[in-house]
Amino acid sequence: MARVIHVFRQPDRFVAGTVGEPGERVFYLQASEDVRTVSVQLEKQQVSVLAERIGALLDEVRRRFDAELPAEPPEELLDTDPLRVPVEEEFRVGTMGLGWDAETEAVVVELLAVTEEEIDESVVLDDTEEGPDAVRVFLTPGHARAFAERAERVINAGRKPCPLCAEPLDPAGHICPRQNGYRRSDED
């Protein structure tokens, strides 16, 4: 079967979001352009790494090329709306690619589907016929900063960390290794 690459050159929206309650959340990235919306599932850590790397990429482009890029997301680009429903997963993300397109002055994010076989790095950010399905999104620097800021908010909206061990607290309490198994509750 031929590889499917969903390309969003001027997305109306590219956001991270979740479905479910804290502790049971499923993370998604959702890209929308006109009437087309594509959602892909990924791990919380992948969202965190992507947000961090986007910030680092923009800082490097500013430093290396002395480019006029926003250090903070423009207020009008911040998106606090929920994911568009229904959230229908196109695929689960295995590999992510990130780059800078100097010609269009855009951050390029590519999300590749999980596969059984090892991925040849040459398929990342390429239109070869062979390889896993992908979503490729081109973001202005302002939209990229706004994506990273929202992704951080989504990640931090989960369960509160234990003040002693930093593990997530469950609503029913927490068995803290630093307390030799003593069960902490939110009231403690």
N, C-alpha and C. Protein backbone atom coordinates (compact mmCIF):
# COMPACT_ATOMS: atom_id res chain seq x y z
N MET A 1 0.83 -1.18 0.00
CA MET A 1 0.00 0.00 0.00
C MET A 1 0.88 1.25 0.00
N ALA A 2 0.49 2.26 -0.74
CA ALA A 2 1.29 3.48 -0.87
C ALA A 2 1.28 4.27 0.43
N ARG A 3 2.35 4.96 0.65
CA ARG A 3 2.52 5.82 1.81
C ARG A 3 1.59 7.03 1.70
N VAL A 4 0.98 7.42 2.81
CA VAL A 4 0.11 8.60 2.85
C VAL A 4 0.82 9.68 3.66
N ILE A 5 1.01 10.86 3.05
CA ILE A 5 1.62 11.99 3.75
C ILE A 5 0.60 13.12 3.76
N HIS A 6 0.16 13.49 4.95
CA HIS A 6 -0.79 14.59 5.13
C HIS A 6 0.04 15.86 5.30
N VAL A 7 -0.04 16.78 4.34
CA VAL A 7 0.76 18.00 4.38
C VAL A 7 -0.15 19.19 4.70
N PHE A 8 0.29 19.98 5.67
CA PHE A 8 -0.42 21.20 6.07
C PHE A 8 0.56 22.36 5.90
N ARG A 9 0.48 23.04 4.76
CA ARG A 9 1.40 24.15 4.47
C ARG A 9 1.02 25.44 5.19
N GLN A 10 -0.26 25.67 5.36
CA GLN A 10 -0.74 26.86 6.08
C GLN A 10 -1.88 26.44 7.01
N PRO A 11 -1.53 25.70 8.08
CA PRO A 11 -2.59 25.18 8.94
C PRO A 11 -3.33 26.30 9.66
N ASP A 12 -4.64 26.10 9.80
CA ASP A 12 -5.44 27.02 10.61
C ASP A 12 -5.13 26.79 12.09
N ARG A 13 -4.73 25.53 12.37
CA ARG A 13 -4.51 25.14 13.77
C ARG A 13 -3.58 23.94 13.83
N PHE A 14 -2.64 23.98 14.78
CA PHE A 14 -1.81 22.82 15.09
C PHE A 14 -1.60 22.85 16.59
N VAL A 15 -2.22 21.88 17.30
CA VAL A 15 -2.22 21.92 18.75
C VAL A 15 -2.01 20.54 19.36
N ALA A 16 -1.56 20.56 20.61
CA ALA A 16 -1.49 19.36 21.44
C ALA A 16 -2.71 19.38 22.34
N GLY A 17 -3.26 18.22 22.61
CA GLY A 17 -4.41 18.12 23.50
C GLY A 17 -4.55 16.71 24.03
N THR A 18 -5.50 16.55 24.93
CA THR A 18 -5.69 15.23 25.55
C THR A 18 -7.17 14.87 25.57
N VAL A 19 -7.40 13.57 25.72
CA VAL A 19 -8.74 13.04 25.94
C VAL A 19 -8.62 12.16 27.19
N GLY A 20 -9.53 12.36 28.13
CA GLY A 20 -9.52 11.54 29.34
C GLY A 20 -9.15 12.35 30.58
N GLU A 21 -9.28 11.69 31.71
CA GLU A 21 -8.99 12.30 33.01
C GLU A 21 -7.51 12.20 33.34
N PRO A 22 -6.98 13.13 34.17
CA PRO A 22 -5.57 13.04 34.57
C PRO A 22 -5.25 11.65 35.12
N GLY A 23 -4.15 11.13 34.68
CA GLY A 23 -3.74 9.77 35.04
C GLY A 23 -4.18 8.75 34.01
N GLU A 24 -5.18 9.10 33.20
CA GLU A 24 -5.70 8.22 32.16
C GLU A 24 -5.74 8.95 30.81
N ARG A 25 -5.04 10.07 30.71
CA ARG A 25 -5.11 10.89 29.50
C ARG A 25 -4.41 10.23 28.32
N VAL A 26 -4.97 10.46 27.14
CA VAL A 26 -4.36 10.05 25.88
C VAL A 26 -3.99 11.35 25.17
N PHE A 27 -2.75 11.46 24.72
CA PHE A 27 -2.25 12.69 24.10
C PHE A 27 -2.37 12.63 22.58
N TYR A 28 -2.77 13.76 22.01
CA TYR A 28 -2.92 13.88 20.56
C TYR A 28 -2.29 15.17 20.07
N LEU A 29 -1.85 15.15 18.83
CA LEU A 29 -1.54 16.36 18.09
C LEU A 29 -2.59 16.42 17.00
N GLN A 30 -3.11 17.62 16.77
CA GLN A 30 -4.18 17.78 15.80
C GLN A 30 -3.83 18.95 14.87
N ALA A 31 -3.85 18.68 13.57
CA ALA A 31 -3.61 19.70 12.56
C ALA A 31 -4.89 19.91 11.76
N SER A 32 -5.22 21.18 11.50
CA SER A 32 -6.42 21.51 10.74
C SER A 32 -6.10 22.57 9.70
N GLU A 33 -6.68 22.39 8.52
CA GLU A 33 -6.55 23.37 7.45
C GLU A 33 -7.85 23.30 6.65
N ASP A 34 -8.55 24.41 6.55
CA ASP A 34 -9.86 24.47 5.92
C ASP A 34 -10.79 23.47 6.62
N VAL A 35 -11.33 22.50 5.90
CA VAL A 35 -12.26 21.54 6.50
C VAL A 35 -11.58 20.22 6.88
N ARG A 36 -10.30 20.11 6.64
CA ARG A 36 -9.55 18.87 6.89
C ARG A 36 -8.89 18.92 8.27
N THR A 37 -9.09 17.88 9.06
CA THR A 37 -8.46 17.76 10.38
C THR A 37 -7.86 16.36 10.50
N VAL A 38 -6.60 16.31 10.94
CA VAL A 38 -5.92 15.03 11.15
C VAL A 38 -5.42 15.01 12.59
N SER A 39 -5.71 13.91 13.30
CA SER A 39 -5.26 13.72 14.69
C SER A 39 -4.35 12.51 14.76
N VAL A 40 -3.25 12.65 15.48
CA VAL A 40 -2.35 11.52 15.70
C VAL A 40 -2.10 11.38 17.20
N GLN A 41 -1.98 10.14 17.64
CA GLN A 41 -1.76 9.86 19.05
C GLN A 41 -0.27 9.73 19.32
N LEU A 42 0.16 10.20 20.50
CA LEU A 42 1.55 10.04 20.89
C LEU A 42 1.65 10.04 22.41
N GLU A 43 2.84 9.83 22.90
CA GLU A 43 3.09 9.76 24.34
C GLU A 43 3.31 11.16 24.90
N LYS A 44 3.03 11.32 26.18
CA LYS A 44 3.23 12.60 26.86
C LYS A 44 4.68 13.07 26.69
N GLN A 45 5.62 12.17 26.83
CA GLN A 45 7.03 12.52 26.71
C GLN A 45 7.36 13.03 25.31
N GLN A 46 6.73 12.46 24.29
CA GLN A 46 6.96 12.93 22.92
C GLN A 46 6.47 14.37 22.75
N VAL A 47 5.33 14.69 23.35
CA VAL A 47 4.82 16.07 23.28
C VAL A 47 5.80 17.01 23.96
N SER A 48 6.30 16.60 25.11
CA SER A 48 7.25 17.42 25.85
C SER A 48 8.53 17.67 25.06
N VAL A 49 9.07 16.61 24.49
CA VAL A 49 10.30 16.73 23.70
C VAL A 49 10.08 17.62 22.48
N LEU A 50 8.96 17.45 21.80
CA LEU A 50 8.68 18.26 20.62
C LEU A 50 8.61 19.74 20.98
N ALA A 51 7.90 20.07 22.05
CA ALA A 51 7.79 21.47 22.48
C ALA A 51 9.16 22.04 22.82
N GLU A 52 9.95 21.27 23.55
CA GLU A 52 11.29 21.72 23.93
C GLU A 52 12.18 21.92 22.71
N ARG A 53 12.14 20.99 21.78
CA ARG A 53 12.99 21.08 20.58
C ARG A 53 12.58 22.21 19.65
N ILE A 54 11.27 22.49 19.57
CA ILE A 54 10.82 23.61 18.74
C ILE A 54 11.40 24.91 19.30
N GLY A 55 11.34 25.08 20.61
CA GLY A 55 11.92 26.28 21.24
C GLY A 55 13.41 26.37 20.98
N ALA A 56 14.11 25.24 21.12
CA ALA A 56 15.57 25.23 20.89
C ALA A 56 15.89 25.53 19.42
N LEU A 57 15.09 24.99 18.49
CA LEU A 57 15.32 25.24 17.07
C LEU A 57 15.16 26.73 16.75
N LEU A 58 14.09 27.33 17.24
CA LEU A 58 13.87 28.75 16.98
C LEU A 58 14.97 29.61 17.59
N ASP A 59 15.42 29.25 18.79
CA ASP A 59 16.53 30.00 19.42
C ASP A 59 17.80 29.87 18.59
N GLU A 60 18.06 28.69 18.06
CA GLU A 60 19.25 28.46 17.23
C GLU A 60 19.16 29.24 15.92
N VAL A 61 18.00 29.26 15.29
CA VAL A 61 17.82 30.02 14.05
C VAL A 61 18.03 31.51 14.33
N ARG A 62 17.50 32.01 15.43
CA ARG A 62 17.70 33.42 15.81
C ARG A 62 19.18 33.72 15.98
N ARG A 63 19.88 32.84 16.69
CA ARG A 63 21.29 33.06 16.97
C ARG A 63 22.15 32.92 15.72
N ARG A 64 21.95 31.86 14.98
CA ARG A 64 22.81 31.55 13.85
C ARG A 64 22.61 32.51 12.67
N PHE A 65 21.35 32.83 12.37
CA PHE A 65 21.05 33.65 11.19
C PHE A 65 20.67 35.08 11.54
N ASP A 66 20.77 35.42 12.83
CA ASP A 66 20.41 36.76 13.29
C ASP A 66 19.02 37.14 12.80
N ALA A 67 18.11 36.17 12.86
CA ALA A 67 16.75 36.34 12.34
C ALA A 67 15.86 37.02 13.37
N GLU A 68 14.89 37.77 12.89
CA GLU A 68 13.89 38.43 13.73
C GLU A 68 12.76 37.45 14.01
N LEU A 69 12.91 36.64 15.03
CA LEU A 69 11.89 35.65 15.39
C LEU A 69 11.38 35.97 16.79
N PRO A 70 10.10 35.71 17.05
CA PRO A 70 9.57 36.01 18.39
C PRO A 70 10.17 35.10 19.46
N ALA A 71 10.54 35.72 20.58
CA ALA A 71 11.06 34.94 21.71
C ALA A 71 9.92 34.35 22.53
N GLU A 72 8.74 34.97 22.44
CA GLU A 72 7.54 34.51 23.13
C GLU A 72 6.42 34.37 22.10
N PRO A 73 5.42 33.54 22.38
CA PRO A 73 4.32 33.42 21.42
C PRO A 73 3.47 34.69 21.40
N PRO A 74 3.11 35.17 20.23
CA PRO A 74 2.21 36.33 20.16
C PRO A 74 0.87 35.99 20.81
N GLU A 75 0.36 36.90 21.60
CA GLU A 75 -0.87 36.68 22.36
C GLU A 75 -2.03 36.23 21.47
N GLU A 76 -2.17 36.82 20.28
CA GLU A 76 -3.30 36.49 19.40
C GLU A 76 -3.21 35.08 18.82
N LEU A 77 -2.04 34.43 18.93
CA LEU A 77 -1.89 33.08 18.38
C LEU A 77 -2.10 31.99 19.42
N LEU A 78 -2.22 32.37 20.70
CA LEU A 78 -2.41 31.37 21.75
C LEU A 78 -3.79 30.74 21.60
N ASP A 79 -3.83 29.41 21.63
CA ASP A 79 -5.05 28.64 21.40
C ASP A 79 -5.38 27.86 22.67
N THR A 80 -6.53 28.15 23.26
CA THR A 80 -6.95 27.44 24.47
C THR A 80 -8.19 26.58 24.24
N ASP A 81 -8.64 26.50 23.00
CA ASP A 81 -9.82 25.70 22.68
C ASP A 81 -9.50 24.21 22.76
N PRO A 82 -10.50 23.39 23.06
CA PRO A 82 -10.27 21.94 23.09
C PRO A 82 -10.02 21.39 21.69
N LEU A 83 -9.60 20.14 21.64
CA LEU A 83 -9.42 19.46 20.36
C LEU A 83 -10.75 19.43 19.62
N ARG A 84 -10.69 19.43 18.30
CA ARG A 84 -11.92 19.30 17.51
C ARG A 84 -12.39 17.86 17.60
N VAL A 85 -13.69 17.70 17.78
CA VAL A 85 -14.27 16.36 17.91
C VAL A 85 -15.06 16.02 16.66
N PRO A 86 -15.20 14.78 16.32
CA PRO A 86 -14.63 13.64 17.02
C PRO A 86 -13.12 13.52 16.76
N VAL A 87 -12.40 13.08 17.79
CA VAL A 87 -10.96 12.87 17.65
C VAL A 87 -10.77 11.46 17.10
N GLU A 88 -10.46 11.38 15.82
CA GLU A 88 -10.26 10.09 15.15
C GLU A 88 -8.79 9.95 14.83
N GLU A 89 -8.15 9.02 15.51
CA GLU A 89 -6.71 8.82 15.38
C GLU A 89 -6.36 8.30 13.98
N GLU A 90 -5.49 9.03 13.30
CA GLU A 90 -5.00 8.61 11.99
C GLU A 90 -3.97 7.50 12.17
N PHE A 91 -3.05 7.71 13.11
CA PHE A 91 -2.05 6.71 13.47
C PHE A 91 -1.40 7.10 14.78
N ARG A 92 -0.58 6.19 15.30
CA ARG A 92 0.21 6.44 16.51
C ARG A 92 1.60 6.86 16.07
N VAL A 93 2.13 7.92 16.66
CA VAL A 93 3.43 8.47 16.26
C VAL A 93 4.57 7.62 16.82
N GLY A 94 5.50 7.28 15.94
CA GLY A 94 6.70 6.57 16.36
C GLY A 94 7.92 7.46 16.29
N THR A 95 8.13 8.10 15.15
CA THR A 95 9.30 8.95 14.92
C THR A 95 8.84 10.36 14.61
N MET A 96 9.61 11.33 15.10
CA MET A 96 9.31 12.73 14.82
C MET A 96 10.52 13.37 14.14
N GLY A 97 10.24 14.26 13.21
CA GLY A 97 11.29 15.02 12.56
C GLY A 97 11.01 16.50 12.73
N LEU A 98 12.05 17.30 12.78
CA LEU A 98 11.91 18.74 12.98
C LEU A 98 12.96 19.44 12.14
N GLY A 99 12.57 20.51 11.46
CA GLY A 99 13.52 21.23 10.63
C GLY A 99 13.10 22.67 10.43
N TRP A 100 13.99 23.42 9.78
CA TRP A 100 13.76 24.82 9.45
C TRP A 100 13.81 24.95 7.94
N ASP A 101 12.75 25.47 7.35
CA ASP A 101 12.71 25.73 5.92
C ASP A 101 13.06 27.20 5.71
N ALA A 102 14.32 27.47 5.31
CA ALA A 102 14.80 28.84 5.16
C ALA A 102 14.05 29.58 4.04
N GLU A 103 13.62 28.85 3.03
CA GLU A 103 12.93 29.48 1.91
C GLU A 103 11.60 30.09 2.33
N THR A 104 10.83 29.37 3.12
CA THR A 104 9.52 29.87 3.57
C THR A 104 9.57 30.43 4.99
N GLU A 105 10.73 30.35 5.63
CA GLU A 105 10.92 30.78 7.02
C GLU A 105 9.88 30.13 7.92
N ALA A 106 9.85 28.80 7.86
CA ALA A 106 8.88 28.03 8.63
C ALA A 106 9.55 26.87 9.36
N VAL A 107 8.98 26.54 10.50
CA VAL A 107 9.37 25.33 11.23
C VAL A 107 8.59 24.19 10.59
N VAL A 108 9.27 23.10 10.28
CA VAL A 108 8.62 21.94 9.68
C VAL A 108 8.62 20.81 10.70
N VAL A 109 7.42 20.34 11.04
CA VAL A 109 7.26 19.23 11.99
C VAL A 109 6.75 18.05 11.19
N GLU A 110 7.43 16.91 11.32
CA GLU A 110 6.93 15.70 10.65
C GLU A 110 6.76 14.61 11.69
N LEU A 111 5.59 13.98 11.65
CA LEU A 111 5.23 12.92 12.58
C LEU A 111 5.01 11.65 11.77
N LEU A 112 5.79 10.61 12.05
CA LEU A 112 5.70 9.37 11.30
C LEU A 112 5.07 8.27 12.14
N ALA A 113 4.29 7.44 11.49
CA ALA A 113 3.58 6.35 12.17
C ALA A 113 4.56 5.31 12.70
N VAL A 114 4.13 4.64 13.77
CA VAL A 114 4.89 3.53 14.32
C VAL A 114 4.94 2.42 13.28
N THR A 115 6.10 1.81 13.11
CA THR A 115 6.22 0.68 12.19
C THR A 115 6.98 -0.45 12.88
N GLU A 116 6.83 -1.64 12.34
CA GLU A 116 7.54 -2.80 12.88
C GLU A 116 9.03 -2.76 12.53
N GLU A 117 9.31 -2.33 11.30
CA GLU A 117 10.70 -2.32 10.86
C GLU A 117 11.36 -0.98 11.21
N GLU A 118 12.69 -1.00 11.21
CA GLU A 118 13.44 0.21 11.52
C GLU A 118 13.27 1.22 10.39
N ILE A 119 13.18 2.49 10.77
CA ILE A 119 12.95 3.55 9.78
C ILE A 119 14.28 4.07 9.24
N ASP A 120 14.34 4.15 7.93
CA ASP A 120 15.49 4.76 7.28
C ASP A 120 15.34 6.27 7.45
N GLU A 121 16.37 6.92 8.01
CA GLU A 121 16.28 8.35 8.29
C GLU A 121 16.02 9.19 7.04
N SER A 122 16.30 8.66 5.87
CA SER A 122 16.10 9.43 4.64
C SER A 122 14.62 9.66 4.33
N VAL A 123 13.69 8.90 4.95
CA VAL A 123 12.27 9.11 4.68
C VAL A 123 11.71 10.27 5.49
N VAL A 124 12.41 10.69 6.55
CA VAL A 124 11.95 11.82 7.36
C VAL A 124 12.11 13.09 6.55
N LEU A 125 11.03 13.87 6.48
CA LEU A 125 10.99 15.12 5.72
C LEU A 125 11.27 14.90 4.23
N ASP A 126 10.88 13.72 3.72
CA ASP A 126 11.06 13.41 2.31
C ASP A 126 9.75 12.82 1.78
N ASP A 127 9.54 12.91 0.49
CA ASP A 127 8.30 12.42 -0.12
C ASP A 127 8.47 11.07 -0.80
N THR A 128 9.38 10.24 -0.34
CA THR A 128 9.57 8.93 -0.95
C THR A 128 8.28 8.12 -0.87
N GLU A 129 8.12 7.21 -1.83
CA GLU A 129 6.91 6.39 -1.90
C GLU A 129 6.87 5.32 -0.82
N GLU A 130 8.03 4.90 -0.37
CA GLU A 130 8.12 3.86 0.65
C GLU A 130 8.35 4.49 2.01
N GLY A 131 7.76 3.89 3.03
CA GLY A 131 7.94 4.39 4.39
C GLY A 131 6.61 4.49 5.10
N PRO A 132 6.66 4.89 6.37
CA PRO A 132 5.43 4.98 7.16
C PRO A 132 4.60 6.21 6.76
N ASP A 133 3.30 6.14 7.05
CA ASP A 133 2.43 7.30 6.86
C ASP A 133 2.97 8.45 7.70
N ALA A 134 2.65 9.68 7.30
CA ALA A 134 3.20 10.84 8.00
C ALA A 134 2.25 12.02 7.97
N VAL A 135 2.45 12.92 8.91
CA VAL A 135 1.81 14.23 8.94
C VAL A 135 2.95 15.24 8.92
N ARG A 136 2.90 16.18 7.97
CA ARG A 136 3.93 17.22 7.86
C ARG A 136 3.26 18.57 7.97
N VAL A 137 3.71 19.37 8.93
CA VAL A 137 3.10 20.66 9.21
C VAL A 137 4.16 21.76 9.13
N PHE A 138 3.83 22.81 8.39
CA PHE A 138 4.70 23.99 8.28
C PHE A 138 4.12 25.07 9.19
N LEU A 139 4.93 25.58 10.12
CA LEU A 139 4.48 26.57 11.09
C LEU A 139 5.30 27.85 11.00
N THR A 140 4.63 29.00 11.05
CA THR A 140 5.37 30.25 11.17
C THR A 140 6.06 30.23 12.54
N PRO A 141 7.12 31.01 12.73
CA PRO A 141 7.77 31.03 14.05
C PRO A 141 6.81 31.39 15.18
N GLY A 142 5.88 32.32 14.95
CA GLY A 142 4.90 32.67 15.98
C GLY A 142 3.99 31.51 16.32
N HIS A 143 3.50 30.80 15.30
CA HIS A 143 2.65 29.63 15.54
C HIS A 143 3.43 28.50 16.22
N ALA A 144 4.71 28.36 15.88
CA ALA A 144 5.53 27.33 16.52
C ALA A 144 5.71 27.63 18.00
N ARG A 145 5.96 28.90 18.34
CA ARG A 145 6.08 29.29 19.76
C ARG A 145 4.75 29.06 20.48
N ALA A 146 3.64 29.39 19.82
CA ALA A 146 2.32 29.19 20.44
C ALA A 146 2.04 27.70 20.65
N PHE A 147 2.45 26.85 19.68
CA PHE A 147 2.28 25.41 19.84
C PHE A 147 3.06 24.93 21.07
N ALA A 148 4.32 25.34 21.17
CA ALA A 148 5.18 24.89 22.28
C ALA A 148 4.61 25.35 23.63
N GLU A 149 4.11 26.57 23.68
CA GLU A 149 3.56 27.09 24.93
C GLU A 149 2.32 26.30 25.34
N ARG A 150 1.43 26.01 24.38
CA ARG A 150 0.23 25.23 24.69
C ARG A 150 0.61 23.80 25.10
N ALA A 151 1.56 23.22 24.39
CA ALA A 151 1.98 21.85 24.71
C ALA A 151 2.48 21.77 26.16
N GLU A 152 3.23 22.76 26.61
CA GLU A 152 3.70 22.78 28.00
C GLU A 152 2.52 22.87 28.98
N ARG A 153 1.52 23.70 28.65
CA ARG A 153 0.34 23.82 29.50
C ARG A 153 -0.42 22.49 29.58
N VAL A 154 -0.56 21.81 28.44
CA VAL A 154 -1.27 20.53 28.39
C VAL A 154 -0.54 19.49 29.24
N ILE A 155 0.77 19.45 29.13
CA ILE A 155 1.57 18.49 29.90
C ILE A 155 1.43 18.74 31.39
N ASN A 156 1.48 20.02 31.78
CA ASN A 156 1.43 20.37 33.20
C ASN A 156 0.03 20.34 33.79
N ALA A 157 -0.99 20.07 32.99
CA ALA A 157 -2.37 20.04 33.48
C ALA A 157 -2.75 18.69 34.06
N GLY A 158 -1.82 17.79 34.17
CA GLY A 158 -2.10 16.45 34.69
C GLY A 158 -2.14 16.43 36.20
N ARG A 159 -1.84 15.27 36.76
CA ARG A 159 -1.87 15.09 38.21
C ARG A 159 -0.75 15.89 38.87
N LYS A 160 -1.03 16.39 40.07
CA LYS A 160 -0.02 17.13 40.81
C LYS A 160 1.10 16.18 41.24
N PRO A 161 2.35 16.67 41.26
CA PRO A 161 3.44 15.81 41.72
C PRO A 161 3.51 15.76 43.25
N CYS A 162 3.97 14.64 43.76
CA CYS A 162 4.21 14.48 45.20
C CYS A 162 5.34 15.44 45.59
N PRO A 163 5.20 16.19 46.66
CA PRO A 163 6.25 17.12 47.06
C PRO A 163 7.55 16.43 47.52
N LEU A 164 7.47 15.14 47.82
CA LEU A 164 8.65 14.42 48.29
C LEU A 164 9.39 13.68 47.18
N CYS A 165 8.63 12.96 46.33
CA CYS A 165 9.29 12.11 45.33
C CYS A 165 9.04 12.56 43.89
N ALA A 166 8.13 13.52 43.70
CA ALA A 166 7.79 14.08 42.39
C ALA A 166 7.00 13.12 41.50
N GLU A 167 6.62 11.96 42.01
CA GLU A 167 5.75 11.06 41.26
C GLU A 167 4.33 11.63 41.28
N PRO A 168 3.50 11.31 40.27
CA PRO A 168 2.15 11.87 40.24
C PRO A 168 1.29 11.36 41.40
N LEU A 169 0.50 12.27 41.97
CA LEU A 169 -0.44 11.91 43.03
C LEU A 169 -1.74 11.44 42.41
N ASP A 170 -2.26 10.32 42.87
CA ASP A 170 -3.55 9.83 42.43
C ASP A 170 -4.64 10.43 43.31
N PRO A 171 -5.89 10.52 42.80
CA PRO A 171 -6.97 11.05 43.64
C PRO A 171 -7.16 10.26 44.93
N ALA A 172 -6.85 8.96 44.90
CA ALA A 172 -7.02 8.11 46.08
C ALA A 172 -5.81 8.14 47.01
N GLY A 173 -4.80 8.92 46.70
CA GLY A 173 -3.61 8.98 47.52
C GLY A 173 -2.39 8.52 46.74
N HIS A 174 -1.33 8.25 47.49
CA HIS A 174 -0.05 7.96 46.84
C HIS A 174 0.83 7.19 47.81
N ILE A 175 1.38 6.08 47.35
CA ILE A 175 2.34 5.35 48.17
C ILE A 175 3.71 5.91 47.82
N CYS A 176 4.26 6.69 48.72
CA CYS A 176 5.50 7.42 48.46
C CYS A 176 6.71 6.60 48.90
N PRO A 177 7.64 6.33 47.98
CA PRO A 177 8.83 5.58 48.36
C PRO A 177 9.67 6.29 49.42
N ARG A 178 9.59 7.59 49.49
CA ARG A 178 10.37 8.37 50.46
C ARG A 178 9.75 8.29 51.85
N GLN A 179 8.52 7.75 51.94
CA GLN A 179 7.85 7.58 53.23
C GLN A 179 7.76 6.10 53.62
N ASN A 180 8.60 5.26 53.02
CA ASN A 180 8.61 3.83 53.29
C ASN A 180 7.24 3.19 53.12
N GLY A 181 6.53 3.61 52.07
CA GLY A 181 5.24 3.00 51.77
C GLY A 181 4.05 3.64 52.43
N TYR A 182 4.27 4.65 53.25
CA TYR A 182 3.14 5.36 53.88
C TYR A 182 2.30 5.98 52.78
N ARG A 183 0.99 5.76 52.83
CA ARG A 183 0.10 6.27 51.79
C ARG A 183 -0.26 7.73 52.11
N ARG A 184 0.15 8.61 51.18
CA ARG A 184 -0.17 10.04 51.29
C ARG A 184 -1.48 10.30 50.57
N SER A 185 -2.27 11.17 51.12
CA SER A 185 -3.47 11.64 50.43
C SER A 185 -3.30 13.13 50.18
N ASP A 186 -4.22 13.74 49.46
CA ASP A 186 -4.14 15.18 49.19
C ASP A 186 -4.20 16.01 50.47
N GLU A 187 -4.84 15.46 51.52
CA GLU A 187 -4.96 16.21 52.79
C GLU A 187 -3.65 16.24 53.56
N ASP A 188 -2.75 15.27 53.33
CA ASP A 188 -1.48 15.20 54.08
C ASP A 188 -0.58 16.35 53.79
